[in-house]
């Protein structure tokens, strides 16, 4: 299936917006960005933040809001921690919101979860 033209930066490439919990997740994202630059445009804000940051960006930031029709995926890159269990209901609301931003085809939302190293 041929990709639609999505602008100079994303001509025929998948457009992926990533939200990172911390600096280590940003480093992983930077690696993926370099590895897959031939098939995807992977972009992430320089500041960290997850679900609330994503909702805010898609609500208020024109570089997200006005381009939702060409964004293929939104990734959330974060550590799994038991202290965050009570946040999942709110996070799921944001995921449903992001999936419904487009009328014709849903934006895929991927959760990239890491576990901390314990020595």
PDB file of N, CA and C in Angstrom:
ATOM      1  N   UNK A   1       0.845  -1.172   0.000  1.00  0.00           N
ATOM      2  CA  UNK A   1       0.000   0.000   0.000  1.00  0.00           C
ATOM      3  C   UNK A   1       0.892   1.237   0.000  1.00  0.00           C
ATOM      4  N   UNK A   2       0.678   2.141  -0.920  1.00  0.00           N
ATOM      5  CA  UNK A   2       1.484   3.356  -1.027  1.00  0.00           C
ATOM      6  C   UNK A   2       1.121   4.345   0.070  1.00  0.00           C
ATOM      7  N   UNK A   3       2.124   5.043   0.564  1.00  0.00           N
ATOM      8  CA  UNK A   3       1.917   6.050   1.599  1.00  0.00           C
ATOM      9  C   UNK A   3       1.520   7.358   0.936  1.00  0.00           C
ATOM     10  N   UNK A   4       0.668   8.105   1.603  1.00  0.00           N
ATOM     11  CA  UNK A   4       0.296   9.412   1.083  1.00  0.00           C
ATOM     12  C   UNK A   4       1.418  10.400   1.346  1.00  0.00           C
ATOM     13  N   UNK A   5       1.482  11.449   0.563  1.00  0.00           N
ATOM     14  CA  UNK A   5       2.475  12.487   0.787  1.00  0.00           C
ATOM     15  C   UNK A   5       2.109  13.244   2.050  1.00  0.00           C
ATOM     16  N   UNK A   6       3.105  13.438   2.894  1.00  0.00           N
ATOM     17  CA  UNK A   6       2.824  14.067   4.179  1.00  0.00           C
ATOM     18  C   UNK A   6       3.695  15.284   4.439  1.00  0.00           C
ATOM     19  N   UNK A   7       4.229  15.883   3.412  1.00  0.00           N
ATOM     20  CA  UNK A   7       5.069  17.062   3.596  1.00  0.00           C
ATOM     21  C   UNK A   7       6.527  16.737   3.327  1.00  0.00           C
ATOM     22  N   UNK A   8       7.347  17.749   3.301  1.00  0.00           N
ATOM     23  CA  UNK A   8       8.751  17.587   2.943  1.00  0.00           C
ATOM     24  C   UNK A   8       9.460  16.624   3.885  1.00  0.00           C
ATOM     25  N   UNK A   9       9.299  16.789   5.195  1.00  0.00           N
ATOM     26  CA  UNK A   9      10.016  15.942   6.153  1.00  0.00           C
ATOM     27  C   UNK A   9       9.511  14.507   6.133  1.00  0.00           C
ATOM     28  N   UNK A  10       8.234  14.317   5.868  1.00  0.00           N
ATOM     29  CA  UNK A  10       7.675  12.987   6.003  1.00  0.00           C
ATOM     30  C   UNK A  10       7.242  12.349   4.707  1.00  0.00           C
ATOM     31  N   UNK A  11       7.797  12.763   3.601  1.00  0.00           N
ATOM     32  CA  UNK A  11       7.373  12.259   2.306  1.00  0.00           C
ATOM     33  C   UNK A  11       7.407  10.735   2.265  1.00  0.00           C
ATOM     34  N   UNK A  12       6.217  10.124   2.315  1.00  0.00           N
ATOM     35  CA  UNK A  12       6.098   8.680   2.235  1.00  0.00           C
ATOM     36  C   UNK A  12       6.549   7.914   3.462  1.00  0.00           C
ATOM     37  N   UNK A  13       6.895   8.609   4.526  1.00  0.00           N
ATOM     38  CA  UNK A  13       7.372   7.947   5.736  1.00  0.00           C
ATOM     39  C   UNK A  13       6.288   7.959   6.806  1.00  0.00           C
ATOM     40  N   UNK A  14       6.375   7.010   7.721  1.00  0.00           N
ATOM     41  CA  UNK A  14       5.480   7.015   8.875  1.00  0.00           C
ATOM     42  C   UNK A  14       5.839   8.198   9.763  1.00  0.00           C
ATOM     43  N   UNK A  15       4.827   8.879  10.263  1.00  0.00           N
ATOM     44  CA  UNK A  15       5.024  10.006  11.173  1.00  0.00           C
ATOM     45  C   UNK A  15       4.677   9.519  12.577  1.00  0.00           C
ATOM     46  N   UNK A  16       5.658   9.563  13.480  1.00  0.00           N
ATOM     47  CA  UNK A  16       5.486   9.049  14.839  1.00  0.00           C
ATOM     48  C   UNK A  16       5.846  10.143  15.836  1.00  0.00           C
ATOM     49  N   UNK A  17       4.935  10.432  16.743  1.00  0.00           N
ATOM     50  CA  UNK A  17       5.178  11.379  17.834  1.00  0.00           C
ATOM     51  C   UNK A  17       5.392  10.566  19.101  1.00  0.00           C
ATOM     52  N   UNK A  18       6.467  10.866  19.835  1.00  0.00           N
ATOM     53  CA  UNK A  18       6.833  10.092  21.019  1.00  0.00           C
ATOM     54  C   UNK A  18       6.839  10.998  22.245  1.00  0.00           C
ATOM     55  N   UNK A  19       6.302  10.490  23.342  1.00  0.00           N
ATOM     56  CA  UNK A  19       6.333  11.195  24.625  1.00  0.00           C
ATOM     57  C   UNK A  19       7.107  10.323  25.601  1.00  0.00           C
ATOM     58  N   UNK A  20       8.127  10.910  26.236  1.00  0.00           N
ATOM     59  CA  UNK A  20       9.064  10.166  27.082  1.00  0.00           C
ATOM     60  C   UNK A  20       8.941  10.578  28.543  1.00  0.00           C
ATOM     61  N   UNK A  21       9.057   9.583  29.413  1.00  0.00           N
ATOM     62  CA  UNK A  21       8.995   9.847  30.848  1.00  0.00           C
ATOM     63  C   UNK A  21      10.258  10.538  31.352  1.00  0.00           C
ATOM     64  N   UNK A  22      11.407  10.134  30.861  1.00  0.00           N
ATOM     65  CA  UNK A  22      12.658  10.695  31.367  1.00  0.00           C
ATOM     66  C   UNK A  22      13.740  10.731  30.307  1.00  0.00           C
ATOM     67  N   UNK A  23      14.936  11.088  30.748  1.00  0.00           N
ATOM     68  CA  UNK A  23      16.054  11.238  29.820  1.00  0.00           C
ATOM     69  C   UNK A  23      16.501   9.918  29.203  1.00  0.00           C
ATOM     70  N   UNK A  24      16.432   8.816  29.941  1.00  0.00           N
ATOM     71  CA  UNK A  24      16.854   7.535  29.362  1.00  0.00           C
ATOM     72  C   UNK A  24      15.917   7.130  28.224  1.00  0.00           C
ATOM     73  N   UNK A  25      14.624   7.374  28.380  1.00  0.00           N
ATOM     74  CA  UNK A  25      13.669   7.061  27.308  1.00  0.00           C
ATOM     75  C   UNK A  25      13.904   7.966  26.099  1.00  0.00           C
ATOM     76  N   UNK A  26      14.303   9.208  26.339  1.00  0.00           N
ATOM     77  CA  UNK A  26      14.642  10.094  25.225  1.00  0.00           C
ATOM     78  C   UNK A  26      15.865   9.566  24.471  1.00  0.00           C
ATOM     79  N   UNK A  27      16.835   9.022  25.196  1.00  0.00           N
ATOM     80  CA  UNK A  27      18.020   8.444  24.550  1.00  0.00           C
ATOM     81  C   UNK A  27      17.629   7.238  23.698  1.00  0.00           C
ATOM     82  N   UNK A  28      16.740   6.386  24.198  1.00  0.00           N
ATOM     83  CA  UNK A  28      16.259   5.244  23.410  1.00  0.00           C
ATOM     84  C   UNK A  28      15.544   5.734  22.150  1.00  0.00           C
ATOM     85  N   UNK A  29      14.736   6.778  22.309  1.00  0.00           N
ATOM     86  CA  UNK A  29      13.989   7.332  21.175  1.00  0.00           C
ATOM     87  C   UNK A  29      14.939   7.910  20.137  1.00  0.00           C
ATOM     88  N   UNK A  30      15.974   8.589  20.586  1.00  0.00           N
ATOM     89  CA  UNK A  30      16.967   9.153  19.662  1.00  0.00           C
ATOM     90  C   UNK A  30      17.648   8.038  18.868  1.00  0.00           C
ATOM     91  N   UNK A  31      17.936   6.916  19.511  1.00  0.00           N
ATOM     92  CA  UNK A  31      18.518   5.767  18.819  1.00  0.00           C
ATOM     93  C   UNK A  31      17.555   5.254  17.744  1.00  0.00           C
ATOM     94  N   UNK A  32      16.285   5.065  18.114  1.00  0.00           N
ATOM     95  CA  UNK A  32      15.291   4.580  17.148  1.00  0.00           C
ATOM     96  C   UNK A  32      15.127   5.561  15.991  1.00  0.00           C
ATOM     97  N   UNK A  33      15.169   6.835  16.293  1.00  0.00           N
ATOM     98  CA  UNK A  33      15.051   7.876  15.260  1.00  0.00           C
ATOM     99  C   UNK A  33      16.165   7.719  14.215  1.00  0.00           C
ATOM    100  N   UNK A  34      17.391   7.515  14.671  1.00  0.00           N
ATOM    101  CA  UNK A  34      18.522   7.342  13.746  1.00  0.00           C
ATOM    102  C   UNK A  34      18.430   6.010  12.991  1.00  0.00           C
ATOM    103  N   UNK A  35      18.052   4.937  13.688  1.00  0.00           N
ATOM    104  CA  UNK A  35      17.986   3.609  13.071  1.00  0.00           C
ATOM    105  C   UNK A  35      16.965   3.542  11.939  1.00  0.00           C
ATOM    106  N   UNK A  36      15.838   4.231  12.117  1.00  0.00           N
ATOM    107  CA  UNK A  36      14.725   4.078  11.183  1.00  0.00           C
ATOM    108  C   UNK A  36      14.421   5.341  10.389  1.00  0.00           C
ATOM    109  N   UNK A  37      15.414   6.224  10.236  1.00  0.00           N
ATOM    110  CA  UNK A  37      15.179   7.486   9.545  1.00  0.00           C
ATOM    111  C   UNK A  37      14.793   7.302   8.079  1.00  0.00           C
ATOM    112  N   UNK A  38      15.095   6.149   7.498  1.00  0.00           N
ATOM    113  CA  UNK A  38      14.742   5.910   6.099  1.00  0.00           C
ATOM    114  C   UNK A  38      13.262   5.572   5.910  1.00  0.00           C
ATOM    115  N   UNK A  39      12.578   5.155   6.975  1.00  0.00           N
ATOM    116  CA  UNK A  39      11.171   4.766   6.839  1.00  0.00           C
ATOM    117  C   UNK A  39      10.213   5.538   7.744  1.00  0.00           C
ATOM    118  N   UNK A  40      10.766   6.303   8.698  1.00  0.00           N
ATOM    119  CA  UNK A  40       9.889   6.996   9.650  1.00  0.00           C
ATOM    120  C   UNK A  40      10.483   8.332  10.082  1.00  0.00           C
ATOM    121  N   UNK A  41       9.594   9.266  10.346  1.00  0.00           N
ATOM    122  CA  UNK A  41       9.972  10.523  10.982  1.00  0.00           C
ATOM    123  C   UNK A  41       9.522  10.394  12.429  1.00  0.00           C
ATOM    124  N   UNK A  42      10.485  10.245  13.330  1.00  0.00           N
ATOM    125  CA  UNK A  42      10.196  10.088  14.754  1.00  0.00           C
ATOM    126  C   UNK A  42      10.538  11.400  15.437  1.00  0.00           C
ATOM    127  N   UNK A  43       9.545  11.980  16.100  1.00  0.00           N
ATOM    128  CA  UNK A  43       9.702  13.297  16.709  1.00  0.00           C
ATOM    129  C   UNK A  43       9.235  13.238  18.154  1.00  0.00           C
ATOM    130  N   UNK A  44       9.927  13.957  19.027  1.00  0.00           N
ATOM    131  CA  UNK A  44       9.522  14.005  20.432  1.00  0.00           C
ATOM    132  C   UNK A  44       9.856  15.374  21.006  1.00  0.00           C
ATOM    133  N   UNK A  45       9.049  15.843  21.968  1.00  0.00           N
ATOM    134  CA  UNK A  45       9.358  17.121  22.615  1.00  0.00           C
ATOM    135  C   UNK A  45      10.646  16.992  23.423  1.00  0.00           C
ATOM    136  N   UNK A  46      11.387  18.067  23.521  1.00  0.00           N
ATOM    137  CA  UNK A  46      12.644  18.036  24.279  1.00  0.00           C
ATOM    138  C   UNK A  46      12.395  17.952  25.781  1.00  0.00           C
ATOM    139  N   UNK A  47      11.219  18.385  26.229  1.00  0.00           N
ATOM    140  CA  UNK A  47      10.891  18.237  27.647  1.00  0.00           C
ATOM    141  C   UNK A  47      10.205  16.886  27.841  1.00  0.00           C
ATOM    142  N   UNK A  48      10.360  16.335  29.034  1.00  0.00           N
ATOM    143  CA  UNK A  48       9.747  15.043  29.311  1.00  0.00           C
ATOM    144  C   UNK A  48       8.294  15.232  29.730  1.00  0.00           C
ATOM    145  N   UNK A  49       7.541  14.173  29.644  1.00  0.00           N
ATOM    146  CA  UNK A  49       6.134  14.193  30.023  1.00  0.00           C
ATOM    147  C   UNK A  49       5.379  13.155  29.228  1.00  0.00           C
ATOM    148  N   UNK A  50       4.319  12.635  29.827  1.00  0.00           N
ATOM    149  CA  UNK A  50       3.618  11.535  29.182  1.00  0.00           C
ATOM    150  C   UNK A  50       2.212  11.914  28.752  1.00  0.00           C
ATOM    151  N   UNK A  51       1.227  11.321  29.355  1.00  0.00           N
ATOM    152  CA  UNK A  51      -0.147  11.385  28.883  1.00  0.00           C
ATOM    153  C   UNK A  51      -0.734  12.796  28.950  1.00  0.00           C
ATOM    154  N   UNK A  52      -0.547  13.488  30.063  1.00  0.00           N
ATOM    155  CA  UNK A  52      -1.054  14.860  30.161  1.00  0.00           C
ATOM    156  C   UNK A  52      -0.349  15.774  29.163  1.00  0.00           C
ATOM    157  N   UNK A  53       0.951  15.575  28.983  1.00  0.00           N
ATOM    158  CA  UNK A  53       1.721  16.366  28.016  1.00  0.00           C
ATOM    159  C   UNK A  53       1.186  16.120  26.606  1.00  0.00           C
ATOM    160  N   UNK A  54       0.894  14.868  26.269  1.00  0.00           N
ATOM    161  CA  UNK A  54       0.373  14.545  24.940  1.00  0.00           C
ATOM    162  C   UNK A  54      -0.979  15.209  24.709  1.00  0.00           C
ATOM    163  N   UNK A  55      -1.878  15.095  25.668  1.00  0.00           N
ATOM    164  CA  UNK A  55      -3.205  15.713  25.519  1.00  0.00           C
ATOM    165  C   UNK A  55      -3.058  17.211  25.336  1.00  0.00           C
ATOM    166  N   UNK A  56      -2.213  17.834  26.128  1.00  0.00           N
ATOM    167  CA  UNK A  56      -1.986  19.273  26.023  1.00  0.00           C
ATOM    168  C   UNK A  56      -1.424  19.649  24.654  1.00  0.00           C
ATOM    169  N   UNK A  57      -0.465  18.888  24.171  1.00  0.00           N
ATOM    170  CA  UNK A  57       0.123  19.183  22.860  1.00  0.00           C
ATOM    171  C   UNK A  57      -0.922  19.089  21.745  1.00  0.00           C
ATOM    172  N   UNK A  58      -1.713  18.022  21.750  1.00  0.00           N
ATOM    173  CA  UNK A  58      -2.700  17.858  20.688  1.00  0.00           C
ATOM    174  C   UNK A  58      -3.847  18.856  20.816  1.00  0.00           C
ATOM    175  N   UNK A  59      -4.107  19.368  22.010  1.00  0.00           N
ATOM    176  CA  UNK A  59      -5.141  20.388  22.202  1.00  0.00           C
ATOM    177  C   UNK A  59      -4.659  21.779  21.802  1.00  0.00           C
ATOM    178  N   UNK A  60      -3.399  22.119  22.117  1.00  0.00           N
ATOM    179  CA  UNK A  60      -2.949  23.510  22.029  1.00  0.00           C
ATOM    180  C   UNK A  60      -1.829  23.795  21.037  1.00  0.00           C
ATOM    181  N   UNK A  61      -0.968  22.840  20.762  1.00  0.00           N
ATOM    182  CA  UNK A  61       0.214  23.080  19.935  1.00  0.00           C
ATOM    183  C   UNK A  61      -0.121  22.846  18.460  1.00  0.00           C
ATOM    184  N   UNK A  62      -0.027  23.897  17.623  1.00  0.00           N
ATOM    185  CA  UNK A  62      -0.375  23.741  16.201  1.00  0.00           C
ATOM    186  C   UNK A  62       0.457  22.682  15.478  1.00  0.00           C
ATOM    187  N   UNK A  63       1.703  22.461  15.911  1.00  0.00           N
ATOM    188  CA  UNK A  63       2.530  21.460  15.226  1.00  0.00           C
ATOM    189  C   UNK A  63       2.041  20.038  15.488  1.00  0.00           C
ATOM    190  N   UNK A  64       1.170  19.862  16.447  1.00  0.00           N
ATOM    191  CA  UNK A  64       0.521  18.578  16.699  1.00  0.00           C
ATOM    192  C   UNK A  64      -0.928  18.636  16.219  1.00  0.00           C
ATOM    193  N   UNK A  65      -1.669  19.600  16.727  1.00  0.00           N
ATOM    194  CA  UNK A  65      -3.103  19.716  16.459  1.00  0.00           C
ATOM    195  C   UNK A  65      -3.403  19.807  14.960  1.00  0.00           C
ATOM    196  N   UNK A  66      -2.653  20.638  14.240  1.00  0.00           N
ATOM    197  CA  UNK A  66      -2.948  20.871  12.831  1.00  0.00           C
ATOM    198  C   UNK A  66      -2.429  19.775  11.908  1.00  0.00           C
ATOM    199  N   UNK A  67      -1.672  18.836  12.443  1.00  0.00           N
ATOM    200  CA  UNK A  67      -1.117  17.763  11.621  1.00  0.00           C
ATOM    201  C   UNK A  67      -1.603  16.378  12.034  1.00  0.00           C
ATOM    202  N   UNK A  68      -2.680  16.331  12.802  1.00  0.00           N
ATOM    203  CA  UNK A  68      -3.163  15.030  13.276  1.00  0.00           C
ATOM    204  C   UNK A  68      -3.584  14.113  12.135  1.00  0.00           C
ATOM    205  N   UNK A  69      -3.924  14.670  10.982  1.00  0.00           N
ATOM    206  CA  UNK A  69      -4.340  13.841   9.847  1.00  0.00           C
ATOM    207  C   UNK A  69      -3.183  13.069   9.223  1.00  0.00           C
ATOM    208  N   UNK A  70      -1.941  13.493   9.463  1.00  0.00           N
ATOM    209  CA  UNK A  70      -0.801  12.779   8.875  1.00  0.00           C
ATOM    210  C   UNK A  70       0.034  12.040   9.918  1.00  0.00           C
ATOM    211  N   UNK A  71      -0.300  12.188  11.189  1.00  0.00           N
ATOM    212  CA  UNK A  71       0.422  11.460  12.238  1.00  0.00           C
ATOM    213  C   UNK A  71      -0.108  10.028  12.276  1.00  0.00           C
ATOM    214  N   UNK A  72       0.791   9.074  12.100  1.00  0.00           N
ATOM    215  CA  UNK A  72       0.390   7.669  12.061  1.00  0.00           C
ATOM    216  C   UNK A  72       0.307   7.036  13.447  1.00  0.00           C
ATOM    217  N   UNK A  73       1.274   7.365  14.296  1.00  0.00           N
ATOM    218  CA  UNK A  73       1.332   6.718  15.605  1.00  0.00           C
ATOM    219  C   UNK A  73       1.767   7.706  16.676  1.00  0.00           C
ATOM    220  N   UNK A  74       1.318   7.438  17.903  1.00  0.00           N
ATOM    221  CA  UNK A  74       1.788   8.145  19.088  1.00  0.00           C
ATOM    222  C   UNK A  74       2.338   7.081  20.026  1.00  0.00           C
ATOM    223  N   UNK A  75       3.584   7.287  20.471  1.00  0.00           N
ATOM    224  CA  UNK A  75       4.226   6.346  21.378  1.00  0.00           C
ATOM    225  C   UNK A  75       4.399   6.984  22.743  1.00  0.00           C
ATOM    226  N   UNK A  76       4.217   6.184  23.785  1.00  0.00           N
ATOM    227  CA  UNK A  76       4.523   6.589  25.152  1.00  0.00           C
ATOM    228  C   UNK A  76       5.622   5.665  25.660  1.00  0.00           C
ATOM    229  N   UNK A  77       6.748   6.238  26.042  1.00  0.00           N
ATOM    230  CA  UNK A  77       7.930   5.495  26.464  1.00  0.00           C
ATOM    231  C   UNK A  77       8.157   5.765  27.946  1.00  0.00           C
ATOM    232  N   UNK A  78       7.973   4.733  28.801  1.00  0.00           N
ATOM    233  CA  UNK A  78       8.037   4.974  30.241  1.00  0.00           C
ATOM    234  C   UNK A  78       8.394   3.714  31.014  1.00  0.00           C
ATOM    235  N   UNK A  79       8.782   3.919  32.278  1.00  0.00           N
ATOM    236  CA  UNK A  79       9.080   2.819  33.197  1.00  0.00           C
ATOM    237  C   UNK A  79       7.786   2.280  33.792  1.00  0.00           C
ATOM    238  N   UNK A  80       7.761   0.980  34.031  1.00  0.00           N
ATOM    239  CA  UNK A  80       6.635   0.366  34.737  1.00  0.00           C
ATOM    240  C   UNK A  80       6.936   0.450  36.230  1.00  0.00           C
ATOM    241  N   UNK A  81       6.024   1.069  36.961  1.00  0.00           N
ATOM    242  CA  UNK A  81       6.219   1.203  38.403  1.00  0.00           C
ATOM    243  C   UNK A  81       4.884   1.002  39.108  1.00  0.00           C
ATOM    244  N   UNK A  82       4.915   0.279  40.208  1.00  0.00           N
ATOM    245  CA  UNK A  82       3.668   0.001  40.929  1.00  0.00           C
ATOM    246  C   UNK A  82       3.028   1.274  41.470  1.00  0.00           C
ATOM    247  N   UNK A  83       3.813   2.308  41.717  1.00  0.00           N
ATOM    248  CA  UNK A  83       3.242   3.556  42.239  1.00  0.00           C
ATOM    249  C   UNK A  83       2.313   4.242  41.233  1.00  0.00           C
ATOM    250  N   UNK A  84       2.375   3.833  39.966  1.00  0.00           N
ATOM    251  CA  UNK A  84       1.555   4.457  38.929  1.00  0.00           C
ATOM    252  C   UNK A  84       0.262   3.706  38.635  1.00  0.00           C
ATOM    253  N   UNK A  85      -0.021   2.642  39.365  1.00  0.00           N
ATOM    254  CA  UNK A  85      -1.210   1.832  39.096  1.00  0.00           C
ATOM    255  C   UNK A  85      -2.483   2.671  39.120  1.00  0.00           C
ATOM    256  N   UNK A  86      -2.597   3.570  40.067  1.00  0.00           N
ATOM    257  CA  UNK A  86      -3.817   4.380  40.190  1.00  0.00           C
ATOM    258  C   UNK A  86      -3.964   5.420  39.080  1.00  0.00           C
ATOM    259  N   UNK A  87      -2.963   5.593  38.231  1.00  0.00           N
ATOM    260  CA  UNK A  87      -3.018   6.575  37.141  1.00  0.00           C
ATOM    261  C   UNK A  87      -3.562   5.990  35.840  1.00  0.00           C
ATOM    262  N   UNK A  88      -3.745   4.666  35.782  1.00  0.00           N
ATOM    263  CA  UNK A  88      -4.078   4.046  34.502  1.00  0.00           C
ATOM    264  C   UNK A  88      -5.450   4.413  33.957  1.00  0.00           C
ATOM    265  N   UNK A  89      -6.407   4.667  34.805  1.00  0.00           N
ATOM    266  CA  UNK A  89      -7.726   5.062  34.300  1.00  0.00           C
ATOM    267  C   UNK A  89      -7.631   6.381  33.535  1.00  0.00           C
ATOM    268  N   UNK A  90      -6.929   7.343  34.094  1.00  0.00           N
ATOM    269  CA  UNK A  90      -6.728   8.626  33.420  1.00  0.00           C
ATOM    270  C   UNK A  90      -5.904   8.486  32.157  1.00  0.00           C
ATOM    271  N   UNK A  91      -4.894   7.637  32.206  1.00  0.00           N
ATOM    272  CA  UNK A  91      -4.065   7.412  31.021  1.00  0.00           C
ATOM    273  C   UNK A  91      -4.879   6.782  29.896  1.00  0.00           C
ATOM    274  N   UNK A  92      -5.757   5.863  30.258  1.00  0.00           N
ATOM    275  CA  UNK A  92      -6.587   5.219  29.238  1.00  0.00           C
ATOM    276  C   UNK A  92      -7.540   6.229  28.591  1.00  0.00           C
ATOM    277  N   UNK A  93      -8.033   7.184  29.358  1.00  0.00           N
ATOM    278  CA  UNK A  93      -8.883   8.241  28.779  1.00  0.00           C
ATOM    279  C   UNK A  93      -8.110   9.029  27.723  1.00  0.00           C
ATOM    280  N   UNK A  94      -6.850   9.335  27.989  1.00  0.00           N
ATOM    281  CA  UNK A  94      -6.021  10.059  27.019  1.00  0.00           C
ATOM    282  C   UNK A  94      -5.792   9.198  25.779  1.00  0.00           C
ATOM    283  N   UNK A  95      -5.541   7.910  25.960  1.00  0.00           N
ATOM    284  CA  UNK A  95      -5.342   7.007  24.820  1.00  0.00           C
ATOM    285  C   UNK A  95      -6.584   6.995  23.937  1.00  0.00           C
ATOM    286  N   UNK A  96      -7.761   6.867  24.533  1.00  0.00           N
ATOM    287  CA  UNK A  96      -9.008   6.871  23.749  1.00  0.00           C
ATOM    288  C   UNK A  96      -9.182   8.201  23.023  1.00  0.00           C
ATOM    289  N   UNK A  97      -8.860   9.300  23.690  1.00  0.00           N
ATOM    290  CA  UNK A  97      -8.949  10.631  23.076  1.00  0.00           C
ATOM    291  C   UNK A  97      -8.045  10.716  21.838  1.00  0.00           C
ATOM    292  N   UNK A  98      -6.802  10.273  21.967  1.00  0.00           N
ATOM    293  CA  UNK A  98      -5.861  10.340  20.850  1.00  0.00           C
ATOM    294  C   UNK A  98      -6.306   9.465  19.686  1.00  0.00           C
ATOM    295  N   UNK A  99      -6.844   8.297  19.979  1.00  0.00           N
ATOM    296  CA  UNK A  99      -7.295   7.399  18.917  1.00  0.00           C
ATOM    297  C   UNK A  99      -8.427   8.007  18.102  1.00  0.00           C
ATOM    298  N   UNK A 100      -9.216   8.863  18.715  1.00  0.00           N
ATOM    299  CA  UNK A 100     -10.389   9.428  18.042  1.00  0.00           C
ATOM    300  C   UNK A 100     -10.129  10.777  17.385  1.00  0.00           C
ATOM    301  N   UNK A 101      -8.888  11.243  17.346  1.00  0.00           N
ATOM    302  CA  UNK A 101      -8.594  12.551  16.764  1.00  0.00           C
ATOM    303  C   UNK A 101      -8.895  12.614  15.272  1.00  0.00           C
ATOM    304  N   UNK A 102      -8.801  11.489  14.593  1.00  0.00           N
ATOM    305  CA  UNK A 102      -9.079  11.456  13.158  1.00  0.00           C
ATOM    306  C   UNK A 102     -10.377  10.727  12.911  1.00  0.00           C
ATOM    307  N   UNK A 103     -11.066  11.152  11.883  1.00  0.00           N
ATOM    308  CA  UNK A 103     -12.357  10.542  11.566  1.00  0.00           C
ATOM    309  C   UNK A 103     -12.206   9.289  10.711  1.00  0.00           C
ATOM    310  N   UNK A 104     -11.317   9.336   9.718  1.00  0.00           N
ATOM    311  CA  UNK A 104     -11.241   8.238   8.757  1.00  0.00           C
ATOM    312  C   UNK A 104     -10.434   7.037   9.246  1.00  0.00           C
ATOM    313  N   UNK A 105      -9.348   7.275   9.926  1.00  0.00           N
ATOM    314  CA  UNK A 105      -8.470   6.185  10.355  1.00  0.00           C
ATOM    315  C   UNK A 105      -7.905   6.554  11.718  1.00  0.00           C
ATOM    316  N   UNK A 106      -7.996   5.645  12.658  1.00  0.00           N
ATOM    317  CA  UNK A 106      -7.525   5.943  14.010  1.00  0.00           C
ATOM    318  C   UNK A 106      -6.002   6.057  14.061  1.00  0.00           C
ATOM    319  N   UNK A 107      -5.533   6.930  14.929  1.00  0.00           N
ATOM    320  CA  UNK A 107      -4.107   7.018  15.218  1.00  0.00           C
ATOM    321  C   UNK A 107      -3.757   5.844  16.131  1.00  0.00           C
ATOM    322  N   UNK A 108      -2.711   5.110  15.780  1.00  0.00           N
ATOM    323  CA  UNK A 108      -2.270   4.014  16.633  1.00  0.00           C
ATOM    324  C   UNK A 108      -1.533   4.581  17.837  1.00  0.00           C
ATOM    325  N   UNK A 109      -1.825   4.048  19.007  1.00  0.00           N
ATOM    326  CA  UNK A 109      -1.149   4.447  20.236  1.00  0.00           C
ATOM    327  C   UNK A 109      -0.393   3.233  20.754  1.00  0.00           C
ATOM    328  N   UNK A 110       0.905   3.395  20.938  1.00  0.00           N
ATOM    329  CA  UNK A 110       1.743   2.290  21.400  1.00  0.00           C
ATOM    330  C   UNK A 110       2.356   2.649  22.750  1.00  0.00           C
ATOM    331  N   UNK A 111       2.375   1.668  23.631  1.00  0.00           N
ATOM    332  CA  UNK A 111       2.972   1.839  24.950  1.00  0.00           C
ATOM    333  C   UNK A 111       4.291   1.078  24.975  1.00  0.00           C
ATOM    334  N   UNK A 112       5.384   1.797  25.108  1.00  0.00           N
ATOM    335  CA  UNK A 112       6.717   1.201  25.167  1.00  0.00           C
ATOM    336  C   UNK A 112       7.165   1.272  26.618  1.00  0.00           C
ATOM    337  N   UNK A 113       7.070   0.147  27.297  1.00  0.00           N
ATOM    338  CA  UNK A 113       7.323   0.127  28.737  1.00  0.00           C
ATOM    339  C   UNK A 113       8.658  -0.535  29.040  1.00  0.00           C
ATOM    340  N   UNK A 114       9.404   0.088  29.926  1.00  0.00           N
ATOM    341  CA  UNK A 114      10.691  -0.450  30.344  1.00  0.00           C
ATOM    342  C   UNK A 114      10.645  -0.754  31.837  1.00  0.00           C
ATOM    343  N   UNK A 115      11.536  -1.607  32.258  1.00  0.00           N
ATOM    344  CA  UNK A 115      11.654  -1.882  33.692  1.00  0.00           C
ATOM    345  C   UNK A 115      13.010  -1.394  34.161  1.00  0.00           C
ATOM    346  N   UNK A 116      13.043  -0.860  35.353  1.00  0.00           N
ATOM    347  CA  UNK A 116      14.296  -0.360  35.910  1.00  0.00           C
ATOM    348  C   UNK A 116      15.226  -1.499  36.283  1.00  0.00           C
ATOM    349  N   UNK A 117      16.498  -1.238  36.241  1.00  0.00           N
ATOM    350  CA  UNK A 117      17.496  -2.231  36.650  1.00  0.00           C
ATOM    351  C   UNK A 117      17.671  -2.161  38.163  1.00  0.00           C
ATOM    352  N   UNK A 118      17.662  -3.304  38.800  1.00  0.00           N
ATOM    353  CA  UNK A 118      17.854  -3.366  40.241  1.00  0.00           C
ATOM    354  C   UNK A 118      19.063  -4.254  40.514  1.00  0.00           C
ATOM    355  N   UNK A 119      20.031  -3.728  41.217  1.00  0.00           N
ATOM    356  CA  UNK A 119      21.240  -4.498  41.547  1.00  0.00           C
ATOM    357  C   UNK A 119      21.325  -4.728  43.021  1.00  0.00           C
TER     358      UNK A 119
END
